[in-house]
Amino acid sequence: MFPDLTRDDVFRLETRRLWLRWPRLADAQAIVRLAGEKAVAEMTARIPHPYSPEMAERFIFQARQSNADGLSLQLAITPKGKPNSLIGLVGIGPSPEDGRPSLGYWLGIPYWGQGYATEAARALIDAFFAYGHEDELTASARVINPSSRRVLEKCGFAYQGSGLAELQARGGFYPADHFRLDRRAWESLKTWGQTGLVREPAEAEAELSFAC
C-alpha cells in the first residue's frame, strides 16, 4: 500500500503546526492517558476502555511493523517543535471489512476544537495519493460523532450512506456513516486551494476506524 519512502522510521510529514512521525515505545504513556479516556475510546472501533499500558505497547509494536511492511502508515501527531509530545494518532490501513485503504484518527481531549485533526488528516491523505498507487480512500464515523463527520467533509470525503459497522472494542455493531474520497476529487481540491486549514469550533473527537 505504501512505498519504501514511508517504511523507515525517519519518515516525517510536516504541516503548519504539526509533525507527524512513526509512533515510538516512549509514546505508550501518552497513548494510555489520552486514548484511554472514555470519551475518546467510545468513538473508535478498536480502542478498549480501560486501556492498559500493555495494550498501548502492543499497538506501537504492531503499528511500527505494519509501517515497515508498507501495509499501513500510522503516525503520531505531535506539535511542531515538540516532536516527543504525542497528542493523537492518524493512520491509513486496510479496512477489516473489505481490505480497502481506510483513514482513521483520534486526538486527546485537551486538543479538541483546534483544527489539528483536519490538519493531520489532510497531510496524510496528500501523502497517500502522492506516494501510493491506490485511487480511493474510505472512512467511517459513528453517527453520534458529528465532529468527526465534519473533519471528513473538510478533507473532501463524500458521504456514501449509513449502515452498521463492527466496533470490535465496543462488542458489537453500531450505526455509522460511510465516506469515500478518490484521487480525482483530492487533486481538484488541491487545485482549487481548498486543502488549507480552516479552524472550526468543537472539531474532531475520534474517528471510528483507526486501529489502536
N, C-alpha and C. Protein backbone atom coordinates (compact mmCIF):
# COMPACT_ATOMS: atom_id res chain seq x y z
N MET A 1 0.82 -1.21 0.00
CA MET A 1 0.00 0.00 0.00
C MET A 1 0.86 1.26 0.00
N PHE A 2 1.97 1.21 0.76
CA PHE A 2 2.86 2.37 0.84
C PHE A 2 4.24 2.01 0.32
N PRO A 3 4.96 2.96 -0.27
CA PRO A 3 6.26 2.69 -0.89
C PRO A 3 7.39 2.68 0.13
N ASP A 4 8.61 2.39 -0.35
CA ASP A 4 9.78 2.32 0.51
C ASP A 4 10.01 3.62 1.27
N LEU A 5 9.67 4.74 0.68
CA LEU A 5 9.90 6.04 1.30
C LEU A 5 9.32 6.14 2.70
N THR A 6 8.15 5.53 2.90
CA THR A 6 7.46 5.64 4.19
C THR A 6 7.81 4.53 5.16
N ARG A 7 8.62 3.56 4.74
CA ARG A 7 8.84 2.34 5.51
C ARG A 7 10.02 2.42 6.47
N ASP A 8 10.56 3.60 6.64
CA ASP A 8 11.66 3.82 7.57
C ASP A 8 11.19 4.80 8.63
N ASP A 9 11.61 4.59 9.88
CA ASP A 9 11.06 5.41 10.95
C ASP A 9 11.62 6.83 10.99
N VAL A 10 12.46 7.17 10.02
CA VAL A 10 12.87 8.58 9.89
C VAL A 10 11.84 9.37 9.08
N PHE A 11 10.86 8.69 8.50
CA PHE A 11 9.85 9.37 7.69
C PHE A 11 9.05 10.34 8.55
N ARG A 12 8.83 11.54 8.02
CA ARG A 12 8.07 12.58 8.71
C ARG A 12 7.16 13.30 7.72
N LEU A 13 6.07 13.83 8.24
CA LEU A 13 5.24 14.77 7.50
C LEU A 13 5.15 16.04 8.33
N GLU A 14 5.29 17.17 7.68
CA GLU A 14 5.24 18.45 8.38
C GLU A 14 4.07 19.27 7.87
N THR A 15 3.32 19.88 8.78
CA THR A 15 2.26 20.81 8.43
C THR A 15 2.58 22.16 9.08
N ARG A 16 1.66 23.06 8.98
CA ARG A 16 1.89 24.40 9.55
C ARG A 16 2.15 24.34 11.04
N ARG A 17 1.44 23.43 11.74
CA ARG A 17 1.56 23.39 13.20
C ARG A 17 2.01 22.04 13.75
N LEU A 18 2.15 21.03 12.89
CA LEU A 18 2.33 19.67 13.38
C LEU A 18 3.51 18.96 12.73
N TRP A 19 4.07 18.00 13.48
CA TRP A 19 4.95 16.98 12.95
C TRP A 19 4.22 15.65 13.08
N LEU A 20 4.21 14.88 12.01
CA LEU A 20 3.65 13.53 12.03
C LEU A 20 4.80 12.56 11.84
N ARG A 21 4.97 11.65 12.78
CA ARG A 21 6.10 10.72 12.77
C ARG A 21 5.63 9.32 13.19
N TRP A 22 6.50 8.34 13.01
CA TRP A 22 6.19 6.99 13.47
C TRP A 22 5.99 7.00 15.00
N PRO A 23 5.07 6.18 15.50
CA PRO A 23 4.95 6.04 16.95
C PRO A 23 6.15 5.31 17.53
N ARG A 24 6.48 5.65 18.80
CA ARG A 24 7.62 5.06 19.49
C ARG A 24 7.14 4.45 20.80
N LEU A 25 7.95 3.54 21.34
CA LEU A 25 7.61 2.94 22.62
C LEU A 25 7.47 4.01 23.71
N ALA A 26 8.23 5.08 23.60
CA ALA A 26 8.15 6.17 24.58
C ALA A 26 6.80 6.89 24.54
N ASP A 27 5.98 6.64 23.51
CA ASP A 27 4.66 7.26 23.41
C ASP A 27 3.60 6.52 24.21
N ALA A 28 3.94 5.35 24.73
CA ALA A 28 2.93 4.50 25.35
C ALA A 28 2.18 5.21 26.47
N GLN A 29 2.89 5.93 27.33
CA GLN A 29 2.24 6.59 28.45
C GLN A 29 1.24 7.62 27.98
N ALA A 30 1.61 8.42 26.97
CA ALA A 30 0.69 9.43 26.44
C ALA A 30 -0.51 8.77 25.77
N ILE A 31 -0.30 7.67 25.07
CA ILE A 31 -1.41 6.97 24.43
C ILE A 31 -2.39 6.45 25.47
N VAL A 32 -1.87 5.85 26.53
CA VAL A 32 -2.74 5.35 27.59
C VAL A 32 -3.54 6.49 28.20
N ARG A 33 -2.88 7.61 28.48
CA ARG A 33 -3.54 8.73 29.14
C ARG A 33 -4.61 9.37 28.25
N LEU A 34 -4.31 9.54 26.98
CA LEU A 34 -5.21 10.27 26.08
C LEU A 34 -6.25 9.35 25.43
N ALA A 35 -5.80 8.26 24.84
CA ALA A 35 -6.74 7.34 24.18
C ALA A 35 -7.55 6.57 25.20
N GLY A 36 -7.03 6.47 26.42
CA GLY A 36 -7.76 5.74 27.45
C GLY A 36 -8.95 6.48 28.01
N GLU A 37 -9.10 7.75 27.69
CA GLU A 37 -10.29 8.49 28.12
C GLU A 37 -11.53 7.88 27.47
N LYS A 38 -12.56 7.67 28.26
CA LYS A 38 -13.78 7.02 27.74
C LYS A 38 -14.36 7.78 26.57
N ALA A 39 -14.35 9.11 26.64
CA ALA A 39 -14.95 9.92 25.57
C ALA A 39 -14.21 9.74 24.25
N VAL A 40 -12.93 9.41 24.30
CA VAL A 40 -12.16 9.14 23.08
C VAL A 40 -12.38 7.70 22.63
N ALA A 41 -12.18 6.77 23.54
CA ALA A 41 -12.25 5.35 23.19
C ALA A 41 -13.59 4.96 22.61
N GLU A 42 -14.68 5.47 23.17
CA GLU A 42 -16.00 5.01 22.75
C GLU A 42 -16.37 5.44 21.34
N MET A 43 -15.62 6.38 20.76
CA MET A 43 -15.86 6.79 19.38
C MET A 43 -15.04 6.00 18.38
N THR A 44 -14.25 5.06 18.86
CA THR A 44 -13.37 4.30 17.97
C THR A 44 -13.83 2.85 17.88
N ALA A 45 -13.27 2.15 16.91
CA ALA A 45 -13.62 0.75 16.70
C ALA A 45 -12.79 -0.19 17.55
N ARG A 46 -11.52 0.19 17.84
CA ARG A 46 -10.60 -0.80 18.38
C ARG A 46 -9.87 -0.35 19.64
N ILE A 47 -10.18 0.80 20.17
CA ILE A 47 -9.54 1.23 21.41
C ILE A 47 -10.42 0.81 22.58
N PRO A 48 -9.97 -0.13 23.39
CA PRO A 48 -10.78 -0.57 24.53
C PRO A 48 -10.77 0.45 25.66
N HIS A 49 -11.69 0.31 26.55
CA HIS A 49 -11.72 1.12 27.77
C HIS A 49 -12.06 0.21 28.95
N PRO A 50 -11.19 0.14 29.95
CA PRO A 50 -9.94 0.89 30.10
C PRO A 50 -8.84 0.38 29.16
N TYR A 51 -7.81 1.19 29.01
CA TYR A 51 -6.73 0.92 28.07
C TYR A 51 -5.43 0.79 28.87
N SER A 52 -4.85 -0.38 28.87
CA SER A 52 -3.70 -0.66 29.71
C SER A 52 -2.39 -0.30 29.01
N PRO A 53 -1.31 -0.09 29.77
CA PRO A 53 -0.01 0.15 29.16
C PRO A 53 0.43 -0.98 28.24
N GLU A 54 0.10 -2.22 28.61
CA GLU A 54 0.48 -3.36 27.77
C GLU A 54 -0.21 -3.29 26.41
N MET A 55 -1.47 -2.86 26.41
CA MET A 55 -2.18 -2.72 25.14
C MET A 55 -1.54 -1.64 24.27
N ALA A 56 -1.16 -0.54 24.89
CA ALA A 56 -0.53 0.55 24.14
C ALA A 56 0.80 0.11 23.55
N GLU A 57 1.58 -0.60 24.33
CA GLU A 57 2.87 -1.08 23.83
C GLU A 57 2.68 -2.06 22.68
N ARG A 58 1.69 -2.94 22.81
CA ARG A 58 1.41 -3.90 21.74
C ARG A 58 0.99 -3.16 20.46
N PHE A 59 0.14 -2.14 20.61
CA PHE A 59 -0.25 -1.37 19.44
C PHE A 59 0.95 -0.73 18.76
N ILE A 60 1.85 -0.15 19.54
CA ILE A 60 3.02 0.52 18.97
C ILE A 60 3.88 -0.46 18.18
N PHE A 61 4.14 -1.62 18.74
CA PHE A 61 4.93 -2.63 18.02
C PHE A 61 4.23 -3.04 16.72
N GLN A 62 2.93 -3.25 16.79
CA GLN A 62 2.19 -3.67 15.60
C GLN A 62 2.16 -2.57 14.55
N ALA A 63 1.98 -1.33 15.00
CA ALA A 63 1.95 -0.20 14.07
C ALA A 63 3.28 -0.04 13.36
N ARG A 64 4.36 -0.13 14.11
CA ARG A 64 5.69 0.02 13.51
C ARG A 64 5.98 -1.12 12.52
N GLN A 65 5.56 -2.33 12.86
CA GLN A 65 5.78 -3.44 11.94
C GLN A 65 4.96 -3.26 10.67
N SER A 66 3.71 -2.83 10.83
CA SER A 66 2.86 -2.60 9.67
C SER A 66 3.40 -1.48 8.80
N ASN A 67 3.92 -0.43 9.43
CA ASN A 67 4.55 0.66 8.66
C ASN A 67 5.76 0.13 7.89
N ALA A 68 6.58 -0.66 8.57
CA ALA A 68 7.79 -1.18 7.93
C ALA A 68 7.47 -2.11 6.77
N ASP A 69 6.37 -2.82 6.87
CA ASP A 69 5.95 -3.73 5.80
C ASP A 69 5.21 -3.01 4.66
N GLY A 70 4.91 -1.74 4.85
CA GLY A 70 4.19 -0.99 3.83
C GLY A 70 2.71 -1.29 3.78
N LEU A 71 2.19 -1.98 4.80
CA LEU A 71 0.78 -2.34 4.82
C LEU A 71 -0.10 -1.19 5.30
N SER A 72 0.49 -0.30 6.06
CA SER A 72 -0.25 0.86 6.57
C SER A 72 0.75 1.97 6.82
N LEU A 73 0.23 3.13 7.17
CA LEU A 73 1.08 4.22 7.64
C LEU A 73 0.35 4.87 8.80
N GLN A 74 0.80 4.57 10.01
CA GLN A 74 0.20 5.08 11.22
C GLN A 74 1.20 5.99 11.91
N LEU A 75 0.80 7.23 12.12
CA LEU A 75 1.73 8.27 12.57
C LEU A 75 1.24 8.95 13.83
N ALA A 76 2.19 9.25 14.71
CA ALA A 76 1.89 10.04 15.90
C ALA A 76 1.72 11.50 15.49
N ILE A 77 0.72 12.14 16.05
CA ILE A 77 0.50 13.57 15.84
C ILE A 77 1.19 14.31 16.98
N THR A 78 2.14 15.21 16.64
CA THR A 78 2.85 15.97 17.65
C THR A 78 2.90 17.44 17.24
N PRO A 79 2.93 18.35 18.21
CA PRO A 79 3.06 19.77 17.86
C PRO A 79 4.44 20.05 17.26
N LYS A 80 4.49 20.93 16.29
CA LYS A 80 5.78 21.31 15.72
C LYS A 80 6.63 21.94 16.82
N GLY A 81 7.86 21.51 16.92
CA GLY A 81 8.73 22.00 17.97
C GLY A 81 8.71 21.13 19.21
N LYS A 82 7.73 20.21 19.30
CA LYS A 82 7.64 19.27 20.42
C LYS A 82 7.40 17.86 19.89
N PRO A 83 8.34 17.32 19.13
CA PRO A 83 8.11 16.03 18.46
C PRO A 83 8.00 14.85 19.42
N ASN A 84 8.34 15.04 20.67
CA ASN A 84 8.22 13.95 21.64
C ASN A 84 6.90 13.98 22.39
N SER A 85 6.05 14.96 22.09
CA SER A 85 4.79 15.14 22.83
C SER A 85 3.61 14.71 21.98
N LEU A 86 3.27 13.44 22.05
CA LEU A 86 2.15 12.90 21.27
C LEU A 86 0.83 13.47 21.76
N ILE A 87 -0.02 13.93 20.81
CA ILE A 87 -1.35 14.43 21.17
C ILE A 87 -2.46 13.60 20.52
N GLY A 88 -2.08 12.68 19.64
CA GLY A 88 -3.06 11.84 18.96
C GLY A 88 -2.37 10.97 17.94
N LEU A 89 -3.17 10.29 17.13
CA LEU A 89 -2.64 9.41 16.09
C LEU A 89 -3.51 9.53 14.85
N VAL A 90 -2.88 9.36 13.69
CA VAL A 90 -3.60 9.34 12.42
C VAL A 90 -3.01 8.22 11.58
N GLY A 91 -3.85 7.50 10.86
CA GLY A 91 -3.33 6.39 10.08
C GLY A 91 -4.21 6.02 8.90
N ILE A 92 -3.59 5.38 7.94
CA ILE A 92 -4.31 4.77 6.82
C ILE A 92 -3.86 3.32 6.75
N GLY A 93 -4.81 2.42 6.72
CA GLY A 93 -4.52 1.00 6.63
C GLY A 93 -5.70 0.27 6.02
N PRO A 94 -5.57 -1.03 5.79
CA PRO A 94 -6.66 -1.80 5.19
C PRO A 94 -7.85 -1.93 6.13
N SER A 95 -9.02 -1.68 5.59
CA SER A 95 -10.24 -1.84 6.38
C SER A 95 -10.44 -3.30 6.73
N PRO A 96 -10.82 -3.62 7.98
CA PRO A 96 -11.05 -5.02 8.34
C PRO A 96 -12.25 -5.63 7.62
N GLU A 97 -13.14 -4.78 7.10
CA GLU A 97 -14.33 -5.28 6.41
C GLU A 97 -14.01 -5.75 4.99
N ASP A 98 -13.29 -4.92 4.23
CA ASP A 98 -13.08 -5.25 2.82
C ASP A 98 -11.65 -5.07 2.35
N GLY A 99 -10.76 -4.66 3.23
CA GLY A 99 -9.36 -4.53 2.86
C GLY A 99 -9.00 -3.26 2.12
N ARG A 100 -9.98 -2.41 1.84
CA ARG A 100 -9.69 -1.17 1.14
C ARG A 100 -8.99 -0.18 2.06
N PRO A 101 -8.13 0.71 1.51
CA PRO A 101 -7.46 1.69 2.36
C PRO A 101 -8.48 2.56 3.10
N SER A 102 -8.25 2.72 4.40
CA SER A 102 -9.21 3.44 5.24
C SER A 102 -8.46 4.39 6.17
N LEU A 103 -9.00 5.58 6.30
CA LEU A 103 -8.42 6.61 7.16
C LEU A 103 -9.03 6.54 8.56
N GLY A 104 -8.18 6.73 9.57
CA GLY A 104 -8.66 6.82 10.94
C GLY A 104 -7.79 7.76 11.75
N TYR A 105 -8.31 8.25 12.85
CA TYR A 105 -7.55 9.17 13.69
C TYR A 105 -8.22 9.32 15.04
N TRP A 106 -7.46 9.80 16.01
CA TRP A 106 -8.03 10.25 17.27
C TRP A 106 -7.12 11.33 17.85
N LEU A 107 -7.72 12.18 18.66
CA LEU A 107 -6.99 13.22 19.38
C LEU A 107 -7.34 13.16 20.85
N GLY A 108 -6.38 13.49 21.71
CA GLY A 108 -6.67 13.62 23.12
C GLY A 108 -7.60 14.80 23.38
N ILE A 109 -8.42 14.68 24.40
CA ILE A 109 -9.44 15.69 24.69
C ILE A 109 -8.87 17.11 24.81
N PRO A 110 -7.71 17.34 25.42
CA PRO A 110 -7.21 18.72 25.53
C PRO A 110 -6.95 19.39 24.18
N TYR A 111 -6.92 18.61 23.12
CA TYR A 111 -6.55 19.15 21.81
C TYR A 111 -7.74 19.21 20.84
N TRP A 112 -8.93 18.94 21.33
CA TRP A 112 -10.12 19.08 20.50
C TRP A 112 -10.40 20.56 20.22
N GLY A 113 -11.07 20.79 19.11
CA GLY A 113 -11.54 22.13 18.80
C GLY A 113 -10.50 23.08 18.29
N GLN A 114 -9.33 22.57 17.88
CA GLN A 114 -8.26 23.44 17.42
C GLN A 114 -7.83 23.15 15.97
N GLY A 115 -8.57 22.28 15.29
CA GLY A 115 -8.29 22.01 13.89
C GLY A 115 -7.17 21.03 13.63
N TYR A 116 -6.63 20.42 14.67
CA TYR A 116 -5.49 19.51 14.49
C TYR A 116 -5.87 18.26 13.70
N ALA A 117 -7.07 17.74 13.92
CA ALA A 117 -7.46 16.51 13.23
C ALA A 117 -7.52 16.72 11.72
N THR A 118 -8.11 17.83 11.29
CA THR A 118 -8.18 18.13 9.87
C THR A 118 -6.79 18.34 9.29
N GLU A 119 -5.95 19.05 10.01
CA GLU A 119 -4.61 19.34 9.53
C GLU A 119 -3.79 18.06 9.36
N ALA A 120 -3.87 17.18 10.35
CA ALA A 120 -3.13 15.92 10.27
C ALA A 120 -3.69 15.01 9.19
N ALA A 121 -5.01 14.92 9.11
CA ALA A 121 -5.63 14.04 8.12
C ALA A 121 -5.30 14.49 6.70
N ARG A 122 -5.34 15.80 6.45
CA ARG A 122 -5.03 16.29 5.11
C ARG A 122 -3.60 15.98 4.71
N ALA A 123 -2.67 16.10 5.65
CA ALA A 123 -1.27 15.80 5.34
C ALA A 123 -1.10 14.33 4.97
N LEU A 124 -1.74 13.44 5.71
CA LEU A 124 -1.60 12.02 5.43
C LEU A 124 -2.32 11.64 4.14
N ILE A 125 -3.48 12.22 3.90
CA ILE A 125 -4.20 11.96 2.64
C ILE A 125 -3.34 12.37 1.45
N ASP A 126 -2.71 13.53 1.55
CA ASP A 126 -1.88 14.01 0.45
C ASP A 126 -0.72 13.05 0.20
N ALA A 127 -0.10 12.56 1.28
CA ALA A 127 0.99 11.60 1.12
C ALA A 127 0.49 10.29 0.51
N PHE A 128 -0.69 9.86 0.91
CA PHE A 128 -1.27 8.62 0.40
C PHE A 128 -1.44 8.68 -1.11
N PHE A 129 -2.00 9.77 -1.62
CA PHE A 129 -2.21 9.88 -3.06
C PHE A 129 -0.92 10.23 -3.80
N ALA A 130 0.01 10.94 -3.14
CA ALA A 130 1.25 11.32 -3.80
C ALA A 130 2.21 10.15 -3.94
N TYR A 131 2.29 9.31 -2.91
CA TYR A 131 3.28 8.24 -2.90
C TYR A 131 2.74 6.88 -3.32
N GLY A 132 1.43 6.69 -3.21
CA GLY A 132 0.85 5.39 -3.49
C GLY A 132 0.18 5.31 -4.85
N HIS A 133 -0.32 4.12 -5.17
CA HIS A 133 -0.96 3.89 -6.47
C HIS A 133 -2.47 3.73 -6.35
N GLU A 134 -2.99 3.61 -5.13
CA GLU A 134 -4.43 3.46 -4.96
C GLU A 134 -5.15 4.76 -5.32
N ASP A 135 -6.36 4.60 -5.83
CA ASP A 135 -7.12 5.76 -6.29
C ASP A 135 -8.31 6.09 -5.40
N GLU A 136 -8.45 5.38 -4.29
CA GLU A 136 -9.62 5.60 -3.46
C GLU A 136 -9.29 5.37 -1.99
N LEU A 137 -9.90 6.19 -1.16
CA LEU A 137 -9.72 6.10 0.29
C LEU A 137 -11.10 6.14 0.94
N THR A 138 -11.30 5.31 1.96
CA THR A 138 -12.58 5.27 2.65
C THR A 138 -12.40 5.73 4.10
N ALA A 139 -13.51 6.02 4.75
CA ALA A 139 -13.51 6.37 6.17
C ALA A 139 -14.92 6.18 6.70
N SER A 140 -15.03 6.04 8.01
CA SER A 140 -16.33 5.91 8.65
C SER A 140 -16.31 6.68 9.96
N ALA A 141 -17.49 7.08 10.40
CA ALA A 141 -17.63 7.78 11.68
C ALA A 141 -18.94 7.37 12.33
N ARG A 142 -18.93 7.21 13.63
CA ARG A 142 -20.17 6.89 14.31
C ARG A 142 -21.18 8.02 14.09
N VAL A 143 -22.44 7.66 13.96
CA VAL A 143 -23.46 8.66 13.68
C VAL A 143 -23.61 9.64 14.84
N ILE A 144 -23.16 9.26 16.04
CA ILE A 144 -23.24 10.16 17.19
C ILE A 144 -22.00 11.05 17.30
N ASN A 145 -21.16 11.06 16.28
CA ASN A 145 -19.93 11.85 16.29
C ASN A 145 -19.91 12.84 15.13
N PRO A 146 -20.72 13.90 15.18
CA PRO A 146 -20.75 14.85 14.07
C PRO A 146 -19.43 15.59 13.89
N SER A 147 -18.63 15.72 14.94
CA SER A 147 -17.34 16.40 14.81
C SER A 147 -16.43 15.66 13.84
N SER A 148 -16.41 14.34 13.94
CA SER A 148 -15.60 13.55 13.03
C SER A 148 -16.12 13.64 11.61
N ARG A 149 -17.42 13.67 11.46
CA ARG A 149 -18.01 13.81 10.13
C ARG A 149 -17.57 15.13 9.49
N ARG A 150 -17.53 16.21 10.28
CA ARG A 150 -17.11 17.50 9.73
C ARG A 150 -15.66 17.46 9.27
N VAL A 151 -14.81 16.76 10.01
CA VAL A 151 -13.42 16.62 9.60
C VAL A 151 -13.33 15.93 8.24
N LEU A 152 -14.05 14.83 8.10
CA LEU A 152 -14.01 14.10 6.84
C LEU A 152 -14.53 14.95 5.69
N GLU A 153 -15.60 15.69 5.92
CA GLU A 153 -16.16 16.52 4.86
C GLU A 153 -15.19 17.62 4.46
N LYS A 154 -14.47 18.19 5.44
CA LYS A 154 -13.50 19.24 5.12
C LYS A 154 -12.27 18.67 4.41
N CYS A 155 -12.07 17.37 4.51
CA CYS A 155 -11.00 16.72 3.76
C CYS A 155 -11.45 16.28 2.38
N GLY A 156 -12.69 16.53 2.02
CA GLY A 156 -13.19 16.22 0.69
C GLY A 156 -13.92 14.91 0.56
N PHE A 157 -14.11 14.17 1.65
CA PHE A 157 -14.82 12.90 1.58
C PHE A 157 -16.29 13.12 1.25
N ALA A 158 -16.81 12.24 0.41
CA ALA A 158 -18.21 12.28 0.03
C ALA A 158 -18.99 11.23 0.80
N TYR A 159 -20.13 11.61 1.31
CA TYR A 159 -20.99 10.71 2.08
C TYR A 159 -21.53 9.61 1.17
N GLN A 160 -21.43 8.36 1.63
CA GLN A 160 -21.87 7.21 0.86
C GLN A 160 -23.08 6.51 1.45
N GLY A 161 -23.52 6.95 2.62
CA GLY A 161 -24.66 6.32 3.24
C GLY A 161 -24.34 5.84 4.65
N SER A 162 -25.37 5.38 5.33
CA SER A 162 -25.22 4.89 6.70
C SER A 162 -25.46 3.39 6.75
N GLY A 163 -24.95 2.77 7.79
CA GLY A 163 -25.15 1.35 7.98
C GLY A 163 -24.53 0.93 9.30
N LEU A 164 -24.49 -0.35 9.53
CA LEU A 164 -23.89 -0.86 10.75
C LEU A 164 -22.41 -1.16 10.52
N ALA A 165 -21.59 -0.82 11.49
CA ALA A 165 -20.16 -1.12 11.43
C ALA A 165 -19.77 -1.86 12.70
N GLU A 166 -18.88 -2.83 12.55
CA GLU A 166 -18.44 -3.58 13.72
C GLU A 166 -17.39 -2.78 14.48
N LEU A 167 -17.68 -2.49 15.73
CA LEU A 167 -16.73 -1.85 16.61
C LEU A 167 -16.24 -2.91 17.59
N GLN A 168 -15.11 -3.50 17.25
CA GLN A 168 -14.64 -4.66 17.99
C GLN A 168 -14.48 -4.37 19.48
N ALA A 169 -13.94 -3.21 19.80
CA ALA A 169 -13.71 -2.88 21.20
C ALA A 169 -14.99 -2.53 21.94
N ARG A 170 -16.07 -2.26 21.18
CA ARG A 170 -17.35 -1.93 21.79
C ARG A 170 -18.23 -3.17 21.93
N GLY A 171 -17.81 -4.27 21.32
CA GLY A 171 -18.52 -5.52 21.48
C GLY A 171 -19.76 -5.68 20.64
N GLY A 172 -19.78 -5.12 19.44
CA GLY A 172 -20.95 -5.31 18.59
C GLY A 172 -20.96 -4.38 17.40
N PHE A 173 -22.13 -4.28 16.75
CA PHE A 173 -22.31 -3.44 15.57
C PHE A 173 -23.06 -2.17 15.98
N TYR A 174 -22.61 -1.04 15.41
CA TYR A 174 -23.19 0.26 15.76
C TYR A 174 -23.44 1.05 14.48
N PRO A 175 -24.42 1.96 14.48
CA PRO A 175 -24.69 2.78 13.30
C PRO A 175 -23.49 3.68 12.98
N ALA A 176 -23.16 3.75 11.70
CA ALA A 176 -22.02 4.56 11.27
C ALA A 176 -22.33 5.17 9.91
N ASP A 177 -21.71 6.33 9.67
CA ASP A 177 -21.76 6.98 8.36
C ASP A 177 -20.50 6.61 7.60
N HIS A 178 -20.64 6.30 6.31
CA HIS A 178 -19.52 5.85 5.49
C HIS A 178 -19.21 6.90 4.43
N PHE A 179 -17.91 7.07 4.16
CA PHE A 179 -17.44 8.13 3.28
C PHE A 179 -16.39 7.58 2.31
N ARG A 180 -16.21 8.32 1.21
CA ARG A 180 -15.26 7.92 0.17
C ARG A 180 -14.60 9.16 -0.41
N LEU A 181 -13.30 9.05 -0.70
CA LEU A 181 -12.55 10.11 -1.35
C LEU A 181 -11.70 9.48 -2.44
N ASP A 182 -11.80 9.99 -3.67
CA ASP A 182 -10.96 9.43 -4.73
C ASP A 182 -9.88 10.43 -5.13
N ARG A 183 -8.91 9.92 -5.86
CA ARG A 183 -7.76 10.73 -6.25
C ARG A 183 -8.16 11.98 -7.02
N ARG A 184 -9.10 11.84 -7.94
CA ARG A 184 -9.51 12.98 -8.76
C ARG A 184 -10.11 14.09 -7.89
N ALA A 185 -10.95 13.71 -6.95
CA ALA A 185 -11.56 14.71 -6.07
C ALA A 185 -10.50 15.41 -5.22
N TRP A 186 -9.53 14.64 -4.71
CA TRP A 186 -8.48 15.24 -3.90
C TRP A 186 -7.63 16.21 -4.73
N GLU A 187 -7.27 15.81 -5.94
CA GLU A 187 -6.47 16.69 -6.79
C GLU A 187 -7.24 17.95 -7.15
N SER A 188 -8.55 17.83 -7.33
CA SER A 188 -9.38 19.00 -7.61
C SER A 188 -9.39 19.96 -6.42
N LEU A 189 -9.50 19.40 -5.22
CA LEU A 189 -9.48 20.23 -4.01
C LEU A 189 -8.17 20.99 -3.90
N LYS A 190 -7.08 20.31 -4.21
CA LYS A 190 -5.78 20.97 -4.15
C LYS A 190 -5.68 22.07 -5.20
N THR A 191 -6.19 21.80 -6.38
CA THR A 191 -6.15 22.78 -7.45
C THR A 191 -6.96 24.02 -7.09
N TRP A 192 -8.10 23.79 -6.44
CA TRP A 192 -8.96 24.90 -6.05
C TRP A 192 -8.48 25.60 -4.78
N GLY A 193 -7.42 25.06 -4.18
CA GLY A 193 -6.90 25.67 -2.97
C GLY A 193 -7.76 25.47 -1.76
N GLN A 194 -8.47 24.33 -1.72
CA GLN A 194 -9.41 24.09 -0.62
C GLN A 194 -8.83 23.21 0.48
N THR A 195 -7.53 22.89 0.43
CA THR A 195 -6.98 22.00 1.44
C THR A 195 -6.24 22.73 2.54
N GLY A 196 -6.27 24.05 2.53
CA GLY A 196 -5.69 24.79 3.63
C GLY A 196 -6.54 24.63 4.88
N LEU A 197 -5.90 24.74 6.02
CA LEU A 197 -6.60 24.51 7.28
C LEU A 197 -7.63 25.60 7.53
N VAL A 198 -8.84 25.21 7.85
CA VAL A 198 -9.88 26.12 8.30
C VAL A 198 -10.29 25.67 9.68
N ARG A 199 -10.08 26.52 10.67
CA ARG A 199 -10.39 26.15 12.04
C ARG A 199 -11.87 26.34 12.31
N GLU A 200 -12.46 25.32 12.91
CA GLU A 200 -13.86 25.41 13.32
C GLU A 200 -13.97 24.93 14.76
N PRO A 201 -14.92 25.44 15.53
CA PRO A 201 -15.03 25.03 16.92
C PRO A 201 -15.47 23.58 17.05
N ALA A 202 -15.08 22.96 18.15
CA ALA A 202 -15.51 21.61 18.53
C ALA A 202 -15.19 20.58 17.46
N GLU A 203 -14.04 20.72 16.82
CA GLU A 203 -13.70 19.83 15.72
C GLU A 203 -13.01 18.57 16.22
N ALA A 204 -13.43 17.44 15.68
CA ALA A 204 -12.68 16.19 15.75
C ALA A 204 -12.56 15.58 17.12
N GLU A 205 -13.45 14.70 17.42
CA GLU A 205 -13.31 13.89 18.62
C GLU A 205 -12.44 12.69 18.28
N ALA A 206 -13.01 11.65 17.72
CA ALA A 206 -12.23 10.48 17.33
C ALA A 206 -12.99 9.74 16.25
N GLU A 207 -12.25 9.25 15.27
CA GLU A 207 -12.88 8.59 14.13
C GLU A 207 -12.84 7.09 14.37
N LEU A 208 -13.88 6.39 13.92
CA LEU A 208 -14.09 5.04 14.44
C LEU A 208 -13.17 3.98 13.87
N SER A 209 -12.56 4.19 12.71
CA SER A 209 -11.89 3.06 12.07
C SER A 209 -10.41 2.96 12.39
N PHE A 210 -9.89 3.83 13.22
CA PHE A 210 -8.46 3.77 13.50
C PHE A 210 -8.13 2.57 14.37
N ALA A 211 -7.14 1.78 13.96
CA ALA A 211 -6.81 0.55 14.67
C ALA A 211 -5.81 0.81 15.78
N CYS A 212 -6.26 0.78 17.01
CA CYS A 212 -5.35 1.00 18.13
C CYS A 212 -5.63 -0.02 19.22
